[in-house]
Amino acid sequence: MTPAQKTEAIELLKDKFSQYSNFYITNTESLSVAQINKLRKVCFDKNVEMKVAKNTLIKKALESIDAEKYSGIYEALNGVTALMFSDTPKDPAVIISSFRADQKGDKPVLKAAFIGEEIFVGDNQLSNLKNIKTKNELIGEVITLLQSPIGRVVSGLLQKAEKGEDAGTSASDAPAADGGDTPAADGGDTPAADGDTAAE
């Protein structure tokens, strides 16, 4: 690889690391060409970008972006390295686990993963990464939690409103006891026994 080709490869890697906030560093050594191609297809179907690169170029690309930020990853840059770039943090972990089960093997091996701002080192982190909640999953859980008490409050208010309407209807249907249609006992039409009649 010429210096110009190395520079171009580093720039390409820098673009990928800048584009994705989640990437996995795996070891695909001992996988056959057919297995690599199958793994690439699975990644493509899941919108995970897979790229094989030299460890020295990966390190230079990361150092040129932020040497300290990625310092915990450098120790994982050994052997044959395949990078998996993903918009979601758990998809590469799910792909690796499913691929191993399908191939009845232990490759690819997870060497490290960079998720958001956190670094996970070692293949034993795979199960933890598989269970990471995505942003949409977390939002869904929060909405569910919020809806539960709100639903009870709204239901209670509706029940109160319905009871109030029933009480109002019953009161309006009852006959009014105001005496408006009852003849008045005021003696207005009864002849008055007043002092105008002379006792002759």
N, C-alpha and C. Protein backbone atom coordinates (compact mmCIF):
# COMPACT_ATOMS: atom_id res chain seq x y z
N MET A 1 0.85 -1.19 0.00
CA MET A 1 0.00 0.00 0.00
C MET A 1 0.88 1.24 0.00
N THR A 2 0.68 2.11 -0.94
CA THR A 2 1.48 3.33 -1.06
C THR A 2 1.06 4.34 0.01
N PRO A 3 1.91 5.34 0.29
CA PRO A 3 1.53 6.38 1.26
C PRO A 3 0.22 7.07 0.90
N ALA A 4 0.02 7.31 -0.39
CA ALA A 4 -1.22 7.96 -0.82
C ALA A 4 -2.43 7.07 -0.53
N GLN A 5 -2.28 5.78 -0.75
CA GLN A 5 -3.37 4.84 -0.48
C GLN A 5 -3.65 4.75 1.02
N LYS A 6 -2.58 4.79 1.81
CA LYS A 6 -2.77 4.76 3.27
C LYS A 6 -3.52 6.01 3.75
N THR A 7 -3.13 7.15 3.20
CA THR A 7 -3.80 8.40 3.57
C THR A 7 -5.27 8.36 3.19
N GLU A 8 -5.55 7.84 2.02
CA GLU A 8 -6.94 7.74 1.56
C GLU A 8 -7.74 6.79 2.45
N ALA A 9 -7.12 5.68 2.83
CA ALA A 9 -7.79 4.70 3.69
C ALA A 9 -8.07 5.29 5.08
N ILE A 10 -7.12 6.05 5.59
CA ILE A 10 -7.29 6.69 6.91
C ILE A 10 -8.43 7.71 6.86
N GLU A 11 -8.48 8.48 5.80
CA GLU A 11 -9.54 9.48 5.65
C GLU A 11 -10.92 8.83 5.56
N LEU A 12 -10.97 7.71 4.86
CA LEU A 12 -12.23 6.97 4.74
C LEU A 12 -12.68 6.46 6.10
N LEU A 13 -11.74 5.93 6.87
CA LEU A 13 -12.06 5.44 8.22
C LEU A 13 -12.50 6.59 9.13
N LYS A 14 -11.83 7.72 9.01
CA LYS A 14 -12.21 8.89 9.81
C LYS A 14 -13.65 9.30 9.53
N ASP A 15 -14.04 9.26 8.28
CA ASP A 15 -15.41 9.60 7.91
C ASP A 15 -16.40 8.64 8.57
N LYS A 16 -16.06 7.36 8.57
CA LYS A 16 -16.95 6.36 9.16
C LYS A 16 -17.07 6.53 10.67
N PHE A 17 -15.93 6.74 11.32
CA PHE A 17 -15.95 6.93 12.79
C PHE A 17 -16.69 8.21 13.17
N SER A 18 -16.62 9.21 12.33
CA SER A 18 -17.33 10.47 12.60
C SER A 18 -18.82 10.33 12.32
N GLN A 19 -19.15 9.48 11.35
CA GLN A 19 -20.55 9.31 10.95
C GLN A 19 -21.34 8.48 11.96
N TYR A 20 -20.70 7.46 12.53
CA TYR A 20 -21.40 6.54 13.44
C TYR A 20 -20.93 6.74 14.88
N SER A 21 -21.89 6.74 15.79
CA SER A 21 -21.56 6.84 17.22
C SER A 21 -21.43 5.45 17.84
N ASN A 22 -21.72 4.40 17.05
CA ASN A 22 -21.58 3.03 17.54
C ASN A 22 -20.75 2.21 16.54
N PHE A 23 -19.72 1.56 17.03
CA PHE A 23 -18.99 0.63 16.16
C PHE A 23 -18.38 -0.49 16.99
N TYR A 24 -18.27 -1.64 16.35
CA TYR A 24 -17.72 -2.83 16.99
C TYR A 24 -16.41 -3.19 16.31
N ILE A 25 -15.46 -3.70 17.10
CA ILE A 25 -14.18 -4.19 16.57
C ILE A 25 -14.17 -5.70 16.79
N THR A 26 -14.16 -6.45 15.70
CA THR A 26 -14.24 -7.91 15.81
C THR A 26 -13.05 -8.59 15.16
N ASN A 27 -12.87 -9.84 15.54
CA ASN A 27 -11.83 -10.68 14.95
C ASN A 27 -12.50 -11.74 14.08
N THR A 28 -12.27 -11.67 12.78
CA THR A 28 -12.89 -12.61 11.84
C THR A 28 -11.89 -13.67 11.35
N GLU A 29 -10.75 -13.76 12.04
CA GLU A 29 -9.73 -14.72 11.64
C GLU A 29 -10.28 -16.15 11.66
N SER A 30 -9.90 -16.94 10.70
CA SER A 30 -10.30 -18.34 10.53
C SER A 30 -11.67 -18.52 9.88
N LEU A 31 -12.38 -17.42 9.63
CA LEU A 31 -13.63 -17.55 8.88
C LEU A 31 -13.30 -17.71 7.40
N SER A 32 -14.02 -18.57 6.72
CA SER A 32 -13.79 -18.79 5.30
C SER A 32 -14.33 -17.62 4.49
N VAL A 33 -13.96 -17.58 3.22
CA VAL A 33 -14.45 -16.52 2.33
C VAL A 33 -15.98 -16.57 2.25
N ALA A 34 -16.51 -17.79 2.19
CA ALA A 34 -17.97 -17.96 2.11
C ALA A 34 -18.64 -17.43 3.38
N GLN A 35 -18.02 -17.69 4.53
CA GLN A 35 -18.59 -17.21 5.80
C GLN A 35 -18.51 -15.69 5.90
N ILE A 36 -17.41 -15.12 5.44
CA ILE A 36 -17.26 -13.66 5.45
C ILE A 36 -18.33 -13.02 4.56
N ASN A 37 -18.52 -13.60 3.40
CA ASN A 37 -19.54 -13.06 2.48
C ASN A 37 -20.94 -13.15 3.09
N LYS A 38 -21.20 -14.26 3.78
CA LYS A 38 -22.51 -14.43 4.42
C LYS A 38 -22.69 -13.40 5.54
N LEU A 39 -21.62 -13.18 6.31
CA LEU A 39 -21.67 -12.20 7.38
C LEU A 39 -21.91 -10.79 6.83
N ARG A 40 -21.25 -10.48 5.73
CA ARG A 40 -21.45 -9.18 5.08
C ARG A 40 -22.90 -8.99 4.65
N LYS A 41 -23.49 -10.05 4.12
CA LYS A 41 -24.87 -9.98 3.65
C LYS A 41 -25.83 -9.75 4.82
N VAL A 42 -25.59 -10.47 5.92
CA VAL A 42 -26.43 -10.29 7.11
C VAL A 42 -26.33 -8.85 7.62
N CYS A 43 -25.12 -8.34 7.65
CA CYS A 43 -24.90 -6.94 8.08
C CYS A 43 -25.63 -5.97 7.16
N PHE A 44 -25.51 -6.20 5.87
CA PHE A 44 -26.16 -5.33 4.89
C PHE A 44 -27.67 -5.32 5.09
N ASP A 45 -28.25 -6.50 5.31
CA ASP A 45 -29.69 -6.61 5.51
C ASP A 45 -30.15 -5.89 6.77
N LYS A 46 -29.26 -5.79 7.75
CA LYS A 46 -29.60 -5.14 9.03
C LYS A 46 -29.11 -3.69 9.10
N ASN A 47 -28.68 -3.15 7.96
CA ASN A 47 -28.18 -1.76 7.90
C ASN A 47 -26.95 -1.55 8.79
N VAL A 48 -26.12 -2.59 8.89
CA VAL A 48 -24.85 -2.49 9.60
C VAL A 48 -23.74 -2.55 8.56
N GLU A 49 -22.85 -1.57 8.60
CA GLU A 49 -21.77 -1.51 7.61
C GLU A 49 -20.53 -2.22 8.13
N MET A 50 -20.06 -3.19 7.39
CA MET A 50 -18.89 -3.98 7.80
C MET A 50 -17.69 -3.63 6.93
N LYS A 51 -16.54 -3.43 7.58
CA LYS A 51 -15.35 -3.05 6.83
C LYS A 51 -14.11 -3.68 7.47
N VAL A 52 -13.33 -4.38 6.68
CA VAL A 52 -12.07 -4.96 7.15
C VAL A 52 -10.97 -3.93 6.92
N ALA A 53 -10.16 -3.72 7.95
CA ALA A 53 -9.10 -2.71 7.84
C ALA A 53 -7.89 -3.12 8.67
N LYS A 54 -6.75 -2.52 8.35
CA LYS A 54 -5.52 -2.79 9.09
C LYS A 54 -5.56 -2.04 10.43
N ASN A 55 -5.04 -2.71 11.47
CA ASN A 55 -5.07 -2.12 12.81
C ASN A 55 -4.33 -0.79 12.90
N THR A 56 -3.20 -0.69 12.20
CA THR A 56 -2.42 0.55 12.27
C THR A 56 -3.20 1.72 11.66
N LEU A 57 -3.94 1.46 10.60
CA LEU A 57 -4.72 2.53 9.96
C LEU A 57 -5.92 2.92 10.82
N ILE A 58 -6.51 1.91 11.46
CA ILE A 58 -7.65 2.20 12.35
C ILE A 58 -7.18 3.09 13.50
N LYS A 59 -6.04 2.74 14.08
CA LYS A 59 -5.52 3.52 15.21
C LYS A 59 -5.19 4.95 14.80
N LYS A 60 -4.57 5.11 13.64
CA LYS A 60 -4.22 6.46 13.17
C LYS A 60 -5.47 7.29 12.91
N ALA A 61 -6.50 6.66 12.38
CA ALA A 61 -7.75 7.37 12.11
C ALA A 61 -8.39 7.83 13.42
N LEU A 62 -8.42 6.95 14.40
CA LEU A 62 -9.02 7.30 15.69
C LEU A 62 -8.21 8.38 16.41
N GLU A 63 -6.89 8.25 16.36
CA GLU A 63 -6.02 9.23 17.02
C GLU A 63 -6.16 10.61 16.39
N SER A 64 -6.37 10.65 15.08
CA SER A 64 -6.50 11.94 14.40
C SER A 64 -7.83 12.63 14.73
N ILE A 65 -8.83 11.83 15.16
CA ILE A 65 -10.11 12.41 15.56
C ILE A 65 -10.05 12.88 17.01
N ASP A 66 -9.72 11.96 17.91
CA ASP A 66 -9.62 12.28 19.34
C ASP A 66 -8.86 11.14 20.02
N ALA A 67 -7.55 11.33 20.17
CA ALA A 67 -6.67 10.27 20.69
C ALA A 67 -7.10 9.80 22.08
N GLU A 68 -7.47 10.73 22.94
CA GLU A 68 -7.83 10.37 24.32
C GLU A 68 -9.19 9.66 24.37
N LYS A 69 -10.13 10.14 23.59
CA LYS A 69 -11.49 9.58 23.59
C LYS A 69 -11.50 8.10 23.28
N TYR A 70 -10.66 7.67 22.36
CA TYR A 70 -10.65 6.28 21.91
C TYR A 70 -9.49 5.47 22.49
N SER A 71 -8.81 6.01 23.48
CA SER A 71 -7.60 5.35 24.00
C SER A 71 -7.88 3.95 24.54
N GLY A 72 -9.05 3.72 25.08
CA GLY A 72 -9.37 2.41 25.64
C GLY A 72 -9.57 1.32 24.60
N ILE A 73 -9.59 1.71 23.33
CA ILE A 73 -9.84 0.75 22.25
C ILE A 73 -8.55 0.21 21.65
N TYR A 74 -7.47 0.96 21.77
CA TYR A 74 -6.24 0.62 21.06
C TYR A 74 -5.72 -0.78 21.37
N GLU A 75 -5.89 -1.23 22.62
CA GLU A 75 -5.39 -2.56 23.00
C GLU A 75 -6.11 -3.68 22.26
N ALA A 76 -7.30 -3.36 21.73
CA ALA A 76 -8.08 -4.38 21.00
C ALA A 76 -7.68 -4.48 19.53
N LEU A 77 -6.82 -3.57 19.09
CA LEU A 77 -6.42 -3.55 17.68
C LEU A 77 -5.25 -4.51 17.44
N ASN A 78 -5.60 -5.77 17.30
CA ASN A 78 -4.60 -6.80 17.02
C ASN A 78 -5.27 -7.91 16.22
N GLY A 79 -4.47 -8.69 15.53
CA GLY A 79 -5.00 -9.77 14.71
C GLY A 79 -5.79 -9.24 13.52
N VAL A 80 -6.65 -10.08 12.97
CA VAL A 80 -7.49 -9.67 11.84
C VAL A 80 -8.69 -8.89 12.39
N THR A 81 -8.89 -7.69 11.86
CA THR A 81 -9.94 -6.83 12.39
C THR A 81 -10.99 -6.49 11.34
N ALA A 82 -12.25 -6.70 11.74
CA ALA A 82 -13.39 -6.28 10.92
C ALA A 82 -14.22 -5.32 11.76
N LEU A 83 -14.49 -4.15 11.22
CA LEU A 83 -15.28 -3.14 11.92
C LEU A 83 -16.75 -3.26 11.52
N MET A 84 -17.62 -3.05 12.48
CA MET A 84 -19.07 -3.02 12.22
C MET A 84 -19.60 -1.67 12.69
N PHE A 85 -20.11 -0.88 11.75
CA PHE A 85 -20.67 0.44 12.06
C PHE A 85 -22.19 0.35 12.05
N SER A 86 -22.82 0.94 13.07
CA SER A 86 -24.27 0.83 13.17
C SER A 86 -24.89 2.08 13.80
N ASP A 87 -26.10 2.41 13.35
CA ASP A 87 -26.84 3.52 13.96
C ASP A 87 -27.44 3.11 15.30
N THR A 88 -27.69 1.82 15.47
CA THR A 88 -28.23 1.32 16.73
C THR A 88 -27.16 0.56 17.50
N PRO A 89 -27.14 0.68 18.81
CA PRO A 89 -26.03 0.10 19.58
C PRO A 89 -26.01 -1.41 19.67
N LYS A 90 -27.17 -2.08 19.56
CA LYS A 90 -27.22 -3.51 19.81
C LYS A 90 -27.22 -4.39 18.57
N ASP A 91 -27.51 -3.85 17.41
CA ASP A 91 -27.64 -4.68 16.20
C ASP A 91 -26.40 -5.51 15.89
N PRO A 92 -25.19 -4.95 15.94
CA PRO A 92 -24.01 -5.79 15.67
C PRO A 92 -23.87 -6.95 16.65
N ALA A 93 -24.21 -6.72 17.92
CA ALA A 93 -24.13 -7.78 18.92
C ALA A 93 -25.12 -8.90 18.60
N VAL A 94 -26.31 -8.52 18.18
CA VAL A 94 -27.33 -9.51 17.80
C VAL A 94 -26.87 -10.30 16.57
N ILE A 95 -26.28 -9.59 15.62
CA ILE A 95 -25.78 -10.25 14.39
C ILE A 95 -24.68 -11.26 14.72
N ILE A 96 -23.73 -10.84 15.55
CA ILE A 96 -22.62 -11.73 15.92
C ILE A 96 -23.14 -12.99 16.61
N SER A 97 -24.04 -12.80 17.57
CA SER A 97 -24.59 -13.95 18.32
C SER A 97 -25.35 -14.89 17.41
N SER A 98 -26.19 -14.33 16.54
CA SER A 98 -26.98 -15.16 15.62
C SER A 98 -26.09 -15.89 14.63
N PHE A 99 -25.05 -15.20 14.15
CA PHE A 99 -24.13 -15.80 13.18
C PHE A 99 -23.38 -16.97 13.81
N ARG A 100 -22.94 -16.80 15.04
CA ARG A 100 -22.24 -17.88 15.74
C ARG A 100 -23.14 -19.11 15.89
N ALA A 101 -24.39 -18.85 16.30
CA ALA A 101 -25.33 -19.96 16.49
C ALA A 101 -25.58 -20.68 15.17
N ASP A 102 -25.71 -19.90 14.10
CA ASP A 102 -25.99 -20.48 12.79
C ASP A 102 -24.80 -21.30 12.28
N GLN A 103 -23.60 -20.80 12.53
CA GLN A 103 -22.38 -21.47 12.05
C GLN A 103 -21.82 -22.48 13.05
N LYS A 104 -22.45 -22.52 14.23
CA LYS A 104 -21.99 -23.42 15.28
C LYS A 104 -20.51 -23.22 15.59
N GLY A 105 -20.15 -21.95 15.79
CA GLY A 105 -18.76 -21.61 16.09
C GLY A 105 -18.68 -20.45 17.06
N ASP A 106 -17.47 -19.91 17.23
CA ASP A 106 -17.27 -18.80 18.16
C ASP A 106 -16.68 -17.58 17.46
N LYS A 107 -16.84 -17.50 16.16
CA LYS A 107 -16.36 -16.37 15.37
C LYS A 107 -17.55 -15.69 14.67
N PRO A 108 -17.49 -14.38 14.48
CA PRO A 108 -16.41 -13.48 14.89
C PRO A 108 -16.36 -13.25 16.40
N VAL A 109 -15.17 -12.94 16.87
CA VAL A 109 -14.97 -12.65 18.29
C VAL A 109 -15.07 -11.15 18.50
N LEU A 110 -15.79 -10.74 19.52
CA LEU A 110 -15.87 -9.32 19.85
C LEU A 110 -14.62 -8.90 20.62
N LYS A 111 -13.88 -7.96 20.05
CA LYS A 111 -12.68 -7.46 20.74
C LYS A 111 -13.00 -6.21 21.54
N ALA A 112 -13.83 -5.34 20.98
CA ALA A 112 -14.22 -4.12 21.69
C ALA A 112 -15.40 -3.49 20.97
N ALA A 113 -16.08 -2.60 21.68
CA ALA A 113 -17.21 -1.87 21.08
C ALA A 113 -17.24 -0.47 21.66
N PHE A 114 -17.55 0.47 20.81
CA PHE A 114 -17.68 1.86 21.23
C PHE A 114 -19.14 2.25 21.04
N ILE A 115 -19.86 2.45 22.15
CA ILE A 115 -21.28 2.75 22.12
C ILE A 115 -21.52 4.14 22.70
N GLY A 116 -21.87 5.08 21.86
CA GLY A 116 -22.05 6.46 22.33
C GLY A 116 -20.73 7.02 22.81
N GLU A 117 -20.55 7.05 24.12
CA GLU A 117 -19.28 7.51 24.70
C GLU A 117 -18.65 6.42 25.57
N GLU A 118 -19.26 5.23 25.58
CA GLU A 118 -18.76 4.15 26.43
C GLU A 118 -18.00 3.10 25.63
N ILE A 119 -17.00 2.51 26.27
CA ILE A 119 -16.17 1.50 25.63
C ILE A 119 -16.37 0.16 26.34
N PHE A 120 -16.64 -0.87 25.57
CA PHE A 120 -16.79 -2.23 26.10
C PHE A 120 -15.67 -3.08 25.50
N VAL A 121 -14.88 -3.70 26.35
CA VAL A 121 -13.73 -4.48 25.88
C VAL A 121 -13.90 -5.95 26.25
N GLY A 122 -13.72 -6.82 25.27
CA GLY A 122 -13.75 -8.26 25.54
C GLY A 122 -15.01 -8.94 25.01
N ASP A 123 -14.85 -10.20 24.63
CA ASP A 123 -15.96 -10.97 24.08
C ASP A 123 -17.04 -11.24 25.12
N ASN A 124 -16.67 -11.19 26.40
CA ASN A 124 -17.64 -11.45 27.46
C ASN A 124 -18.67 -10.31 27.60
N GLN A 125 -18.46 -9.22 26.88
CA GLN A 125 -19.40 -8.09 26.90
C GLN A 125 -20.54 -8.27 25.90
N LEU A 126 -20.47 -9.32 25.10
CA LEU A 126 -21.45 -9.50 24.03
C LEU A 126 -22.88 -9.60 24.56
N SER A 127 -23.08 -10.37 25.62
CA SER A 127 -24.43 -10.54 26.16
C SER A 127 -24.98 -9.22 26.69
N ASN A 128 -24.12 -8.41 27.31
CA ASN A 128 -24.56 -7.10 27.81
C ASN A 128 -24.97 -6.18 26.65
N LEU A 129 -24.19 -6.22 25.58
CA LEU A 129 -24.47 -5.37 24.43
C LEU A 129 -25.76 -5.79 23.72
N LYS A 130 -26.06 -7.09 23.74
CA LYS A 130 -27.30 -7.57 23.12
C LYS A 130 -28.53 -7.01 23.84
N ASN A 131 -28.39 -6.73 25.14
CA ASN A 131 -29.53 -6.29 25.94
C ASN A 131 -29.62 -4.78 26.11
N ILE A 132 -28.75 -4.06 25.42
CA ILE A 132 -28.83 -2.60 25.49
C ILE A 132 -30.15 -2.13 24.90
N LYS A 133 -30.80 -1.19 25.59
CA LYS A 133 -32.05 -0.63 25.10
C LYS A 133 -31.77 0.46 24.06
N THR A 134 -32.47 0.38 22.95
CA THR A 134 -32.33 1.42 21.94
C THR A 134 -33.10 2.65 22.41
N LYS A 135 -32.86 3.76 21.74
CA LYS A 135 -33.54 5.01 22.10
C LYS A 135 -35.06 4.87 21.99
N ASN A 136 -35.52 4.25 20.92
CA ASN A 136 -36.96 4.07 20.72
C ASN A 136 -37.57 3.16 21.78
N GLU A 137 -36.81 2.12 22.18
CA GLU A 137 -37.30 1.22 23.22
C GLU A 137 -37.43 1.94 24.55
N LEU A 138 -36.44 2.77 24.88
CA LEU A 138 -36.49 3.53 26.12
C LEU A 138 -37.65 4.53 26.12
N ILE A 139 -37.85 5.20 24.99
CA ILE A 139 -38.96 6.15 24.87
C ILE A 139 -40.29 5.43 25.05
N GLY A 140 -40.41 4.25 24.42
CA GLY A 140 -41.64 3.46 24.54
C GLY A 140 -41.93 3.08 25.98
N GLU A 141 -40.87 2.67 26.72
CA GLU A 141 -41.06 2.29 28.11
C GLU A 141 -41.49 3.48 28.96
N VAL A 142 -40.88 4.64 28.71
CA VAL A 142 -41.23 5.85 29.46
C VAL A 142 -42.68 6.24 29.19
N ILE A 143 -43.09 6.18 27.93
CA ILE A 143 -44.47 6.52 27.57
C ILE A 143 -45.45 5.56 28.26
N THR A 144 -45.11 4.28 28.28
CA THR A 144 -45.97 3.30 28.94
C THR A 144 -46.10 3.60 30.42
N LEU A 145 -44.97 3.93 31.06
CA LEU A 145 -45.00 4.26 32.49
C LEU A 145 -45.83 5.51 32.76
N LEU A 146 -45.70 6.49 31.88
CA LEU A 146 -46.46 7.73 32.05
C LEU A 146 -47.95 7.52 31.80
N GLN A 147 -48.27 6.69 30.83
CA GLN A 147 -49.67 6.49 30.47
C GLN A 147 -50.43 5.73 31.55
N SER A 148 -49.76 4.86 32.29
CA SER A 148 -50.45 4.05 33.28
C SER A 148 -51.14 4.90 34.35
N PRO A 149 -50.44 5.78 35.10
CA PRO A 149 -51.14 6.61 36.10
C PRO A 149 -52.08 7.62 35.47
N ILE A 150 -51.70 8.17 34.31
CA ILE A 150 -52.56 9.14 33.64
C ILE A 150 -53.86 8.48 33.23
N GLY A 151 -53.77 7.26 32.75
CA GLY A 151 -54.98 6.53 32.35
C GLY A 151 -55.93 6.35 33.52
N ARG A 152 -55.38 6.04 34.70
CA ARG A 152 -56.23 5.87 35.88
C ARG A 152 -56.89 7.18 36.28
N VAL A 153 -56.13 8.27 36.21
CA VAL A 153 -56.67 9.59 36.57
C VAL A 153 -57.78 9.99 35.62
N VAL A 154 -57.53 9.83 34.31
CA VAL A 154 -58.54 10.19 33.31
C VAL A 154 -59.80 9.35 33.48
N SER A 155 -59.60 8.05 33.73
CA SER A 155 -60.74 7.16 33.93
C SER A 155 -61.56 7.59 35.14
N GLY A 156 -60.87 7.96 36.21
CA GLY A 156 -61.56 8.42 37.41
C GLY A 156 -62.35 9.69 37.17
N LEU A 157 -61.74 10.62 36.43
CA LEU A 157 -62.42 11.88 36.12
C LEU A 157 -63.65 11.65 35.26
N LEU A 158 -63.55 10.75 34.29
CA LEU A 158 -64.69 10.45 33.43
C LEU A 158 -65.83 9.82 34.23
N GLN A 159 -65.47 8.95 35.15
CA GLN A 159 -66.50 8.31 35.98
C GLN A 159 -67.21 9.35 36.85
N LYS A 160 -66.44 10.28 37.40
CA LYS A 160 -67.03 11.34 38.22
C LYS A 160 -67.95 12.21 37.39
N ALA A 161 -67.50 12.51 36.18
CA ALA A 161 -68.30 13.36 35.29
C ALA A 161 -69.61 12.67 34.93
N GLU A 162 -69.55 11.36 34.68
CA GLU A 162 -70.76 10.61 34.34
C GLU A 162 -71.71 10.56 35.52
N LYS A 163 -71.20 10.37 36.73
CA LYS A 163 -72.05 10.36 37.92
C LYS A 163 -72.71 11.71 38.13
N GLY A 164 -71.96 12.78 37.87
CA GLY A 164 -72.50 14.13 38.02
C GLY A 164 -73.63 14.38 37.04
N GLU A 165 -73.46 13.90 35.80
CA GLU A 165 -74.51 14.08 34.79
C GLU A 165 -75.75 13.30 35.16
N ASP A 166 -75.58 12.08 35.70
CA ASP A 166 -76.73 11.28 36.11
C ASP A 166 -77.49 11.96 37.23
N ALA A 167 -76.77 12.52 38.18
CA ALA A 167 -77.42 13.20 39.30
C ALA A 167 -78.18 14.42 38.82
N GLY A 168 -77.60 15.17 37.87
CA GLY A 168 -78.26 16.35 37.32
C GLY A 168 -79.51 15.99 36.56
N THR A 169 -79.47 14.90 35.82
CA THR A 169 -80.64 14.45 35.05
C THR A 169 -81.77 14.05 35.97
N SER A 170 -81.43 13.33 37.05
CA SER A 170 -82.46 12.90 37.99
C SER A 170 -83.14 14.09 38.64
N ALA A 171 -82.39 15.10 38.98
CA ALA A 171 -82.95 16.29 39.63
C ALA A 171 -83.87 17.06 38.70
N SER A 172 -83.52 17.14 37.43
CA SER A 172 -84.32 17.90 36.48
C SER A 172 -85.60 17.19 36.11
N ASP A 173 -85.61 15.84 36.20
CA ASP A 173 -86.79 15.07 35.85
C ASP A 173 -87.81 15.03 36.98
N ALA A 174 -87.43 15.35 38.21
CA ALA A 174 -88.35 15.29 39.35
C ALA A 174 -89.32 16.45 39.32
N PRO A 175 -90.67 16.25 39.67
CA PRO A 175 -91.66 17.34 39.67
C PRO A 175 -91.25 18.44 40.64
N ALA A 176 -91.43 19.65 40.23
CA ALA A 176 -91.05 20.78 41.08
C ALA A 176 -92.10 21.00 42.15
N ALA A 177 -91.71 21.13 43.40
CA ALA A 177 -92.63 21.38 44.51
C ALA A 177 -92.64 22.86 44.82
N ASP A 178 -93.13 23.69 43.85
CA ASP A 178 -93.10 25.14 44.08
C ASP A 178 -94.49 25.73 44.28
N GLY A 179 -95.54 24.85 44.18
CA GLY A 179 -96.89 25.34 44.42
C GLY A 179 -97.39 26.29 43.36
N GLY A 180 -96.73 26.35 42.21
CA GLY A 180 -97.12 27.32 41.19
C GLY A 180 -98.48 27.05 40.60
N ASP A 181 -98.89 25.78 40.47
CA ASP A 181 -100.18 25.45 39.87
C ASP A 181 -101.25 25.17 40.91
N THR A 182 -100.89 25.28 42.18
CA THR A 182 -101.88 25.03 43.26
C THR A 182 -102.69 26.29 43.54
N PRO A 183 -104.05 26.19 43.57
CA PRO A 183 -104.87 27.39 43.83
C PRO A 183 -104.49 28.03 45.14
N ALA A 184 -104.37 29.32 45.12
CA ALA A 184 -103.95 30.04 46.32
C ALA A 184 -105.10 30.17 47.30
N ALA A 185 -104.82 29.91 48.55
CA ALA A 185 -105.84 30.07 49.60
C ALA A 185 -105.67 31.42 50.23
N ASP A 186 -105.95 32.47 49.40
CA ASP A 186 -105.71 33.82 49.92
C ASP A 186 -107.00 34.57 50.21
N GLY A 187 -108.17 33.89 49.88
CA GLY A 187 -109.47 34.53 50.20
C GLY A 187 -109.75 35.74 49.36
N GLY A 188 -109.04 35.90 48.24
CA GLY A 188 -109.22 37.10 47.42
C GLY A 188 -110.60 37.20 46.81
N ASP A 189 -111.25 36.06 46.49
CA ASP A 189 -112.56 36.08 45.84
C ASP A 189 -113.71 35.87 46.82
N THR A 190 -113.40 35.72 48.08
CA THR A 190 -114.43 35.49 49.09
C THR A 190 -114.98 36.84 49.56
N PRO A 191 -116.32 36.97 49.58
CA PRO A 191 -116.88 38.26 50.02
C PRO A 191 -116.37 38.65 51.37
N ALA A 192 -116.00 39.89 51.50
CA ALA A 192 -115.43 40.36 52.75
C ALA A 192 -116.51 40.71 53.75
N ALA A 193 -116.34 40.34 54.97
CA ALA A 193 -117.28 40.71 56.04
C ALA A 193 -116.75 41.94 56.70
N ASP A 194 -116.90 43.06 56.01
CA ASP A 194 -116.31 44.30 56.53
C ASP A 194 -117.38 45.18 57.16
N GLY A 195 -117.02 46.25 57.62
CA GLY A 195 -117.89 47.18 58.36
C GLY A 195 -118.70 48.08 57.47
N ASP A 196 -118.78 47.84 56.10
CA ASP A 196 -119.57 48.69 55.22
C ASP A 196 -121.04 48.34 55.22
N THR A 197 -121.41 47.16 55.75
CA THR A 197 -122.81 46.74 55.78
C THR A 197 -123.47 47.30 57.04
N ALA A 198 -124.51 48.14 56.87
CA ALA A 198 -125.15 48.80 58.02
C ALA A 198 -126.07 47.86 58.75
N ALA A 199 -125.99 47.90 60.01
CA ALA A 199 -126.89 47.08 60.82
C ALA A 199 -128.07 47.97 61.17
N GLU A 200 -129.06 47.95 60.29
CA GLU A 200 -130.17 48.83 60.49
C GLU A 200 -131.20 48.15 61.39
